Amino acid sequence: MSYLDPRAGQTSGDDTSVPAYGYAESRPQHLGDVTPEPAKRGPGRRRAGKQSKGTGRAGRNVPVSIAVGAALILLVLASLLVWPPAFPGLIAVAAGAGVWEMTRALKVTGAEPPLIPLLGGALLMVGLAWHDGADSLLVGLGVTVVASLLWRLADGPRAVRRDFMPTLLIAVYVPFLLSFAVLLQLPDADTDGRWRILCTLFAVVLSDTGGFVAGVFLGRHKMAPSISPGKTWEGFAGSICAAAIGSALFLYFLLDIPSYWGLLFGVVLSVVAVIGDLAESMLKRDLGLKDMSHLLPGHGGIMDRLDSILFAVPTAYLLFAVIAHQL
């Protein structure tokens, strides 16, 4: 999510500031009174700092970024509207990729989260959520954590103590939270679950878009400069307004939910989406990373696209439960 501050000169989708480490330039060595001529630039070599064609201010290849983003959107829509049983599989793939990225990223801290049991746990949690619901999802989380710690026990109690918190962070932050998207999809007596998923995703997208537009034209006051320099309070207000208005319309026409509930739904989801985005930005800053990986050309990693959604889907699940109880 991005709230562009015009004075910041950057977008926040990749707003984690990481120092650039380059090679020091060689100084000319004087041999007597003769200074060697600089080496001629070979064909195809670019001047330092020159952006390649199609690269935006955030260092992204804009056409590639748009193409990949559109492909992801079409993939999600197809899995929901064309063949709904494919959606849990898509969530399982996303959870597995997120676990892989987080495992690699946390190794810079000296931790060694066990990849294999965490990947197995991601599949287990998604499968249990689809088959048996929320209670089984909690069981899957417990099994994943215990199996991961037993795996690390092979290297001794010290390894277990060192890797306990990173392992718990990965298991909860990625597959557990993301599995709530599967719970949202499950139909109940009154609604079709795919519309709940779409309303949640629309709310996050509207929050992102509203924040970007408001930040571009109105952004002046930085929201969290030490974490995300591009975000502004004006952009945050734009996020809330766009998500609230859009959610009121979507929930009314897709789920026949009164507009006042839709307004509340949009406001709450916008707030938690921003919190999720800031949380991942803070994590990447602490780890010294710009992107979690390069799996998605023009976007970074899977986690760079899931940051807002991870906090939004469990919140939407709880909100829909409250709304169903009140109506």
Protein backbone atom coordinates (compact mmCIF):
# COMPACT_ATOMS: atom_id res chain seq x y z
CA MET A 1 0.00 0.00 0.00
CA SER A 2 1.35 3.40 -0.85
CA TYR A 3 0.61 6.92 0.24
CA LEU A 4 2.91 8.95 -1.94
CA ASP A 5 4.41 12.06 -0.40
CA PRO A 6 5.40 14.26 -3.37
CA ARG A 7 8.35 15.59 -1.42
CA ALA A 8 9.58 12.08 -0.61
CA GLY A 9 10.19 11.27 -4.27
CA GLN A 10 9.32 7.65 -3.92
CA THR A 11 6.43 5.29 -3.67
CA SER A 12 5.86 3.15 -0.66
CA GLY A 13 5.16 -0.18 -2.25
CA ASP A 14 8.89 -0.59 -1.77
CA ASP A 15 9.36 2.09 0.80
CA THR A 16 11.92 0.22 2.88
CA SER A 17 15.05 2.30 2.76
CA VAL A 18 18.17 0.19 2.49
CA PRO A 19 21.63 1.74 2.25
CA ALA A 20 23.24 1.26 -1.11
CA TYR A 21 26.54 -0.50 -1.00
CA GLY A 22 28.67 0.13 -4.02
CA TYR A 23 32.28 -0.28 -4.99
CA ALA A 24 34.61 2.60 -4.32
CA GLU A 25 35.90 4.21 -7.47
CA SER A 26 39.58 3.82 -8.18
CA ARG A 27 41.56 7.04 -8.06
CA PRO A 28 43.91 7.84 -10.95
CA GLN A 29 47.46 6.73 -10.21
CA HIS A 30 50.06 9.20 -11.31
CA LEU A 31 53.20 7.80 -12.92
CA GLY A 32 55.56 10.75 -12.94
CA ASP A 33 53.64 13.52 -14.64
CA VAL A 34 51.49 11.19 -16.71
CA THR A 35 47.95 10.31 -15.74
CA PRO A 36 46.60 7.19 -17.45
CA GLU A 37 43.60 7.79 -19.65
CA PRO A 38 40.34 6.38 -18.29
CA ALA A 39 39.28 3.12 -19.83
CA LYS A 40 36.84 3.53 -22.67
CA ARG A 41 33.31 2.53 -21.98
CA GLY A 42 32.52 -0.68 -23.80
CA PRO A 43 29.42 -1.16 -25.89
CA GLY A 44 26.23 -1.78 -23.98
CA ARG A 45 27.56 -0.43 -20.67
CA ARG A 46 25.29 2.05 -18.90
CA ARG A 47 26.30 5.08 -16.93
CA ALA A 48 25.95 4.67 -13.18
CA GLY A 49 22.61 5.77 -11.83
CA LYS A 50 20.90 5.92 -15.22
CA GLN A 51 17.51 4.28 -15.15
CA SER A 52 16.72 1.72 -17.75
CA LYS A 53 13.80 2.31 -20.07
CA GLY A 54 10.45 1.58 -18.47
CA THR A 55 11.81 1.77 -14.92
CA GLY A 56 9.86 4.01 -12.56
CA ARG A 57 11.05 6.10 -9.64
CA ALA A 58 10.75 3.15 -7.27
CA GLY A 59 13.22 1.16 -9.36
CA ARG A 60 10.51 -1.04 -10.89
CA ASN A 61 9.96 -1.97 -14.47
CA VAL A 62 6.49 -0.48 -14.81
CA PRO A 63 5.20 -2.50 -17.81
CA VAL A 64 6.39 -5.76 -16.25
CA SER A 65 4.91 -4.78 -12.89
CA ILE A 66 1.52 -4.03 -14.47
CA ALA A 67 1.54 -7.27 -16.44
CA VAL A 68 2.40 -9.40 -13.42
CA GLY A 69 -0.18 -7.60 -11.26
CA ALA A 70 -2.90 -8.12 -13.86
CA ALA A 71 -1.98 -11.81 -14.16
CA LEU A 72 -2.24 -12.26 -10.39
CA ILE A 73 -5.65 -10.59 -10.30
CA LEU A 74 -6.94 -12.76 -13.14
CA LEU A 75 -5.60 -15.88 -11.43
CA VAL A 76 -7.41 -15.07 -8.19
CA LEU A 77 -10.66 -14.20 -9.98
CA ALA A 78 -10.51 -17.38 -12.04
CA SER A 79 -9.98 -19.52 -8.95
CA LEU A 80 -12.97 -17.88 -7.25
CA LEU A 81 -15.45 -17.49 -10.09
CA VAL A 82 -14.56 -20.21 -12.59
CA TRP A 83 -13.43 -23.14 -10.43
CA PRO A 84 -13.72 -22.37 -6.68
CA PRO A 85 -12.01 -25.61 -5.53
CA ALA A 86 -8.77 -24.19 -6.99
CA PHE A 87 -8.75 -21.31 -4.51
CA PRO A 88 -7.47 -23.32 -1.49
CA GLY A 89 -4.70 -24.66 -3.71
CA LEU A 90 -3.76 -21.11 -4.70
CA ILE A 91 -3.68 -20.11 -1.03
CA ALA A 92 -1.49 -23.14 -0.23
CA VAL A 93 1.01 -22.15 -2.95
CA ALA A 94 1.08 -18.54 -1.69
CA ALA A 95 1.56 -19.71 1.90
CA GLY A 96 4.39 -22.03 0.89
CA ALA A 97 6.15 -19.28 -1.05
CA GLY A 98 5.72 -16.89 1.88
CA VAL A 99 7.20 -19.45 4.30
CA TRP A 100 10.19 -19.92 1.99
CA GLU A 101 10.78 -16.17 1.76
CA MET A 102 10.49 -15.63 5.50
CA THR A 103 12.80 -18.54 6.26
CA ARG A 104 15.47 -17.12 3.97
CA ALA A 105 15.01 -13.59 5.28
CA LEU A 106 15.32 -14.48 8.96
CA LYS A 107 18.60 -16.30 8.44
CA VAL A 108 20.39 -12.95 8.46
CA THR A 109 19.62 -12.82 12.20
CA GLY A 110 21.48 -16.09 12.78
CA ALA A 111 18.29 -18.12 13.19
CA GLU A 112 17.66 -21.36 11.29
CA PRO A 113 13.88 -21.85 11.04
CA PRO A 114 13.25 -25.35 9.64
CA LEU A 115 11.89 -24.99 6.13
CA ILE A 116 10.54 -28.51 5.52
CA PRO A 117 8.24 -28.82 8.58
CA LEU A 118 7.07 -25.23 8.10
CA LEU A 119 6.16 -25.96 4.48
CA GLY A 120 4.35 -29.11 5.56
CA GLY A 121 2.59 -27.15 8.27
CA ALA A 122 1.45 -24.54 5.75
CA LEU A 123 -0.19 -27.23 3.63
CA LEU A 124 -1.67 -28.83 6.73
CA MET A 125 -3.22 -25.58 8.00
CA VAL A 126 -4.75 -24.68 4.65
CA GLY A 127 -6.12 -28.22 4.24
CA LEU A 128 -7.58 -28.37 7.75
CA ALA A 129 -9.17 -24.94 7.36
CA TRP A 130 -10.83 -26.08 4.14
CA HIS A 131 -11.95 -29.43 5.52
CA ASP A 132 -12.96 -28.71 9.12
CA GLY A 133 -12.96 -24.97 9.77
CA ALA A 134 -11.41 -22.66 12.35
CA ASP A 135 -10.97 -25.15 15.21
CA SER A 136 -8.91 -27.49 13.05
CA LEU A 137 -6.82 -24.53 11.87
CA LEU A 138 -5.67 -23.98 15.48
CA VAL A 139 -4.77 -27.66 15.72
CA GLY A 140 -2.74 -27.34 12.53
CA LEU A 141 -0.83 -24.38 13.96
CA GLY A 142 0.04 -26.33 17.10
CA VAL A 143 1.18 -29.37 15.13
CA THR A 144 3.33 -27.19 12.87
CA VAL A 145 5.12 -25.48 15.76
CA VAL A 146 5.73 -28.72 17.66
CA ALA A 147 6.99 -30.56 14.54
CA SER A 148 9.32 -27.67 13.70
CA LEU A 149 10.82 -27.62 17.20
CA LEU A 150 11.31 -31.39 17.19
CA TRP A 151 13.09 -31.00 13.86
CA ARG A 152 15.46 -28.44 15.38
CA LEU A 153 16.00 -30.65 18.43
CA ALA A 154 18.33 -32.74 16.28
CA ASP A 155 20.84 -29.89 16.64
CA GLY A 156 20.44 -29.64 20.39
CA PRO A 157 18.43 -27.66 22.95
CA ARG A 158 20.33 -24.47 22.13
CA ALA A 159 19.06 -24.56 18.54
CA VAL A 160 15.49 -25.04 19.81
CA ARG A 161 15.74 -22.02 22.11
CA ARG A 162 17.30 -19.89 19.38
CA ASP A 163 14.79 -20.80 16.67
CA PHE A 164 11.58 -20.96 18.71
CA MET A 165 10.46 -17.35 18.19
CA PRO A 166 11.41 -17.15 14.47
CA THR A 167 9.59 -20.44 13.87
CA LEU A 168 6.48 -19.25 15.73
CA LEU A 169 6.58 -15.94 13.85
CA ILE A 170 6.65 -17.65 10.45
CA ALA A 171 3.96 -20.21 11.33
CA VAL A 172 1.54 -17.58 12.62
CA TYR A 173 2.35 -14.68 10.32
CA VAL A 174 2.10 -16.54 7.01
CA PRO A 175 0.10 -19.80 6.81
CA PHE A 176 -2.09 -19.29 9.88
CA LEU A 177 -3.29 -15.79 8.97
CA LEU A 178 -3.55 -16.59 5.27
CA SER A 179 -5.67 -19.67 5.95
CA PHE A 180 -8.48 -17.37 7.06
CA ALA A 181 -8.98 -16.62 3.37
CA VAL A 182 -10.05 -20.27 3.00
CA LEU A 183 -12.41 -19.90 5.96
CA LEU A 184 -13.92 -16.83 4.31
CA GLN A 185 -14.57 -18.79 1.15
CA LEU A 186 -16.50 -21.56 2.89
CA PRO A 187 -20.21 -21.04 2.18
CA ASP A 188 -22.72 -20.74 4.98
CA ALA A 189 -26.50 -21.04 4.98
CA ASP A 190 -27.10 -17.53 3.63
CA THR A 191 -24.15 -16.45 1.52
CA ASP A 192 -21.73 -17.66 -1.10
CA GLY A 193 -18.24 -17.52 0.35
CA ARG A 194 -16.56 -16.29 -2.81
CA TRP A 195 -18.37 -12.96 -2.50
CA ARG A 196 -16.96 -12.50 0.98
CA ILE A 197 -13.47 -13.06 -0.40
CA LEU A 198 -14.04 -10.59 -3.23
CA CYS A 199 -15.43 -7.94 -0.87
CA THR A 200 -12.36 -8.33 1.34
CA LEU A 201 -9.94 -8.07 -1.56
CA PHE A 202 -11.84 -5.10 -3.02
CA ALA A 203 -11.61 -3.31 0.33
CA VAL A 204 -7.83 -3.80 0.46
CA VAL A 205 -7.36 -2.71 -3.16
CA LEU A 206 -9.54 0.36 -2.65
CA SER A 207 -7.62 1.23 0.49
CA ASP A 208 -4.35 0.97 -1.41
CA THR A 209 -5.62 2.97 -4.40
CA GLY A 210 -7.30 5.66 -2.31
CA GLY A 211 -4.18 6.10 -0.23
CA PHE A 212 -1.98 6.44 -3.30
CA VAL A 213 -4.20 9.01 -5.02
CA ALA A 214 -4.70 11.10 -1.88
CA GLY A 215 -0.99 10.94 -1.13
CA VAL A 216 -0.05 12.12 -4.61
CA PHE A 217 -2.30 15.19 -4.56
CA LEU A 218 -2.62 16.00 -0.87
CA GLY A 219 0.22 14.24 0.94
CA ARG A 220 2.15 16.60 3.23
CA HIS A 221 2.45 15.13 6.70
CA LYS A 222 4.48 11.94 7.02
CA MET A 223 2.79 9.13 8.85
CA ALA A 224 5.70 6.91 9.93
CA PRO A 225 8.92 8.34 8.43
CA SER A 226 11.23 5.97 10.28
CA ILE A 227 9.36 2.92 8.95
CA SER A 228 7.74 3.96 5.68
CA PRO A 229 8.95 7.37 4.44
CA GLY A 230 6.42 7.60 1.60
CA LYS A 231 3.25 7.26 3.68
CA THR A 232 1.33 10.36 4.76
CA TRP A 233 -1.65 11.01 7.01
CA GLU A 234 -3.51 12.48 4.06
CA GLY A 235 -2.98 9.23 2.17
CA PHE A 236 -4.21 7.29 5.19
CA ALA A 237 -7.41 9.36 5.22
CA GLY A 238 -7.84 8.67 1.50
CA SER A 239 -7.45 4.94 2.15
CA ILE A 240 -10.17 4.93 4.78
CA CYS A 241 -12.61 6.96 2.67
CA ALA A 242 -12.13 4.85 -0.46
CA ALA A 243 -12.37 1.53 1.39
CA ALA A 244 -15.44 2.64 3.39
CA ILE A 245 -17.42 3.94 0.42
CA GLY A 246 -16.47 1.04 -1.84
CA SER A 247 -17.20 -1.59 0.82
CA ALA A 248 -20.61 -0.07 1.53
CA LEU A 249 -21.50 -0.54 -2.13
CA PHE A 250 -19.96 -3.99 -2.57
CA LEU A 251 -21.44 -5.48 0.60
CA TYR A 252 -24.86 -4.06 -0.23
CA PHE A 253 -25.03 -5.31 -3.82
CA LEU A 254 -23.10 -8.59 -3.46
CA LEU A 255 -24.17 -9.74 0.01
CA ASP A 256 -27.29 -7.68 0.73
CA ILE A 257 -25.68 -6.22 3.87
CA PRO A 258 -26.85 -2.75 5.00
CA SER A 259 -24.58 0.09 3.95
CA TYR A 260 -23.72 1.17 7.50
CA TRP A 261 -22.15 -2.23 8.11
CA GLY A 262 -20.29 -1.86 4.83
CA LEU A 263 -18.90 1.51 5.92
CA LEU A 264 -17.66 0.00 9.18
CA PHE A 265 -16.22 -3.00 7.33
CA GLY A 266 -14.25 -0.75 4.98
CA VAL A 267 -12.89 1.49 7.74
CA VAL A 268 -11.70 -1.40 9.90
CA LEU A 269 -10.14 -3.29 6.99
CA SER A 270 -8.35 -0.18 5.78
CA VAL A 271 -6.82 0.38 9.22
CA VAL A 272 -5.63 -3.22 9.64
CA ALA A 273 -4.33 -3.30 6.04
CA VAL A 274 -2.18 -0.25 6.78
CA ILE A 275 -0.96 -1.85 10.00
CA GLY A 276 -0.05 -5.00 8.08
CA ASP A 277 1.83 -3.00 5.48
CA LEU A 278 3.75 -1.07 8.15
CA ALA A 279 4.53 -4.28 10.03
CA GLU A 280 6.18 -5.84 6.98
CA SER A 281 8.01 -2.59 6.18
CA MET A 282 9.40 -2.55 9.71
CA LEU A 283 10.43 -6.19 9.45
CA LYS A 284 12.23 -5.61 6.15
CA ARG A 285 13.96 -2.52 7.55
CA ASP A 286 15.19 -4.48 10.56
CA LEU A 287 16.48 -7.24 8.26
CA GLY A 288 18.07 -4.75 5.84
CA LEU A 289 15.95 -5.91 2.89
CA LYS A 290 14.24 -3.99 0.12
CA ASP A 291 12.17 -6.97 -1.09
CA MET A 292 11.56 -10.37 0.47
CA SER A 293 12.58 -12.04 -2.79
CA HIS A 294 12.37 -11.63 -6.56
CA LEU A 295 9.72 -14.25 -7.30
CA LEU A 296 7.39 -11.69 -8.89
CA PRO A 297 9.12 -9.51 -11.50
CA GLY A 298 8.36 -5.86 -10.88
CA HIS A 299 6.80 -6.58 -7.48
CA GLY A 300 9.43 -8.28 -5.34
CA GLY A 301 8.31 -11.30 -3.39
CA ILE A 302 5.03 -12.94 -2.44
CA MET A 303 5.21 -11.37 1.02
CA ASP A 304 5.55 -7.93 -0.54
CA ARG A 305 2.11 -8.43 -2.03
CA LEU A 306 0.53 -10.21 0.93
CA ASP A 307 1.54 -7.71 3.61
CA SER A 308 -1.83 -5.92 3.78
CA ILE A 309 -3.94 -9.00 3.04
CA LEU A 310 -2.49 -11.10 5.87
CA PHE A 311 -4.02 -8.88 8.54
CA ALA A 312 -7.15 -8.13 6.53
CA VAL A 313 -8.49 -11.68 6.00
CA PRO A 314 -8.76 -12.75 9.67
CA THR A 315 -10.27 -9.34 10.50
CA ALA A 316 -12.83 -9.74 7.70
CA TYR A 317 -13.65 -13.24 8.96
CA LEU A 318 -14.43 -11.86 12.43
CA LEU A 319 -16.39 -8.90 11.04
CA PHE A 320 -18.57 -11.11 8.85
CA ALA A 321 -19.27 -13.32 11.89
CA VAL A 322 -20.34 -10.28 13.89
CA ILE A 323 -22.50 -8.94 11.06
CA ALA A 324 -24.19 -12.33 10.58
CA HIS A 325 -24.95 -12.48 14.30
CA GLN A 326 -26.46 -8.97 14.32
CA LEU A 327 -28.59 -9.28 11.20
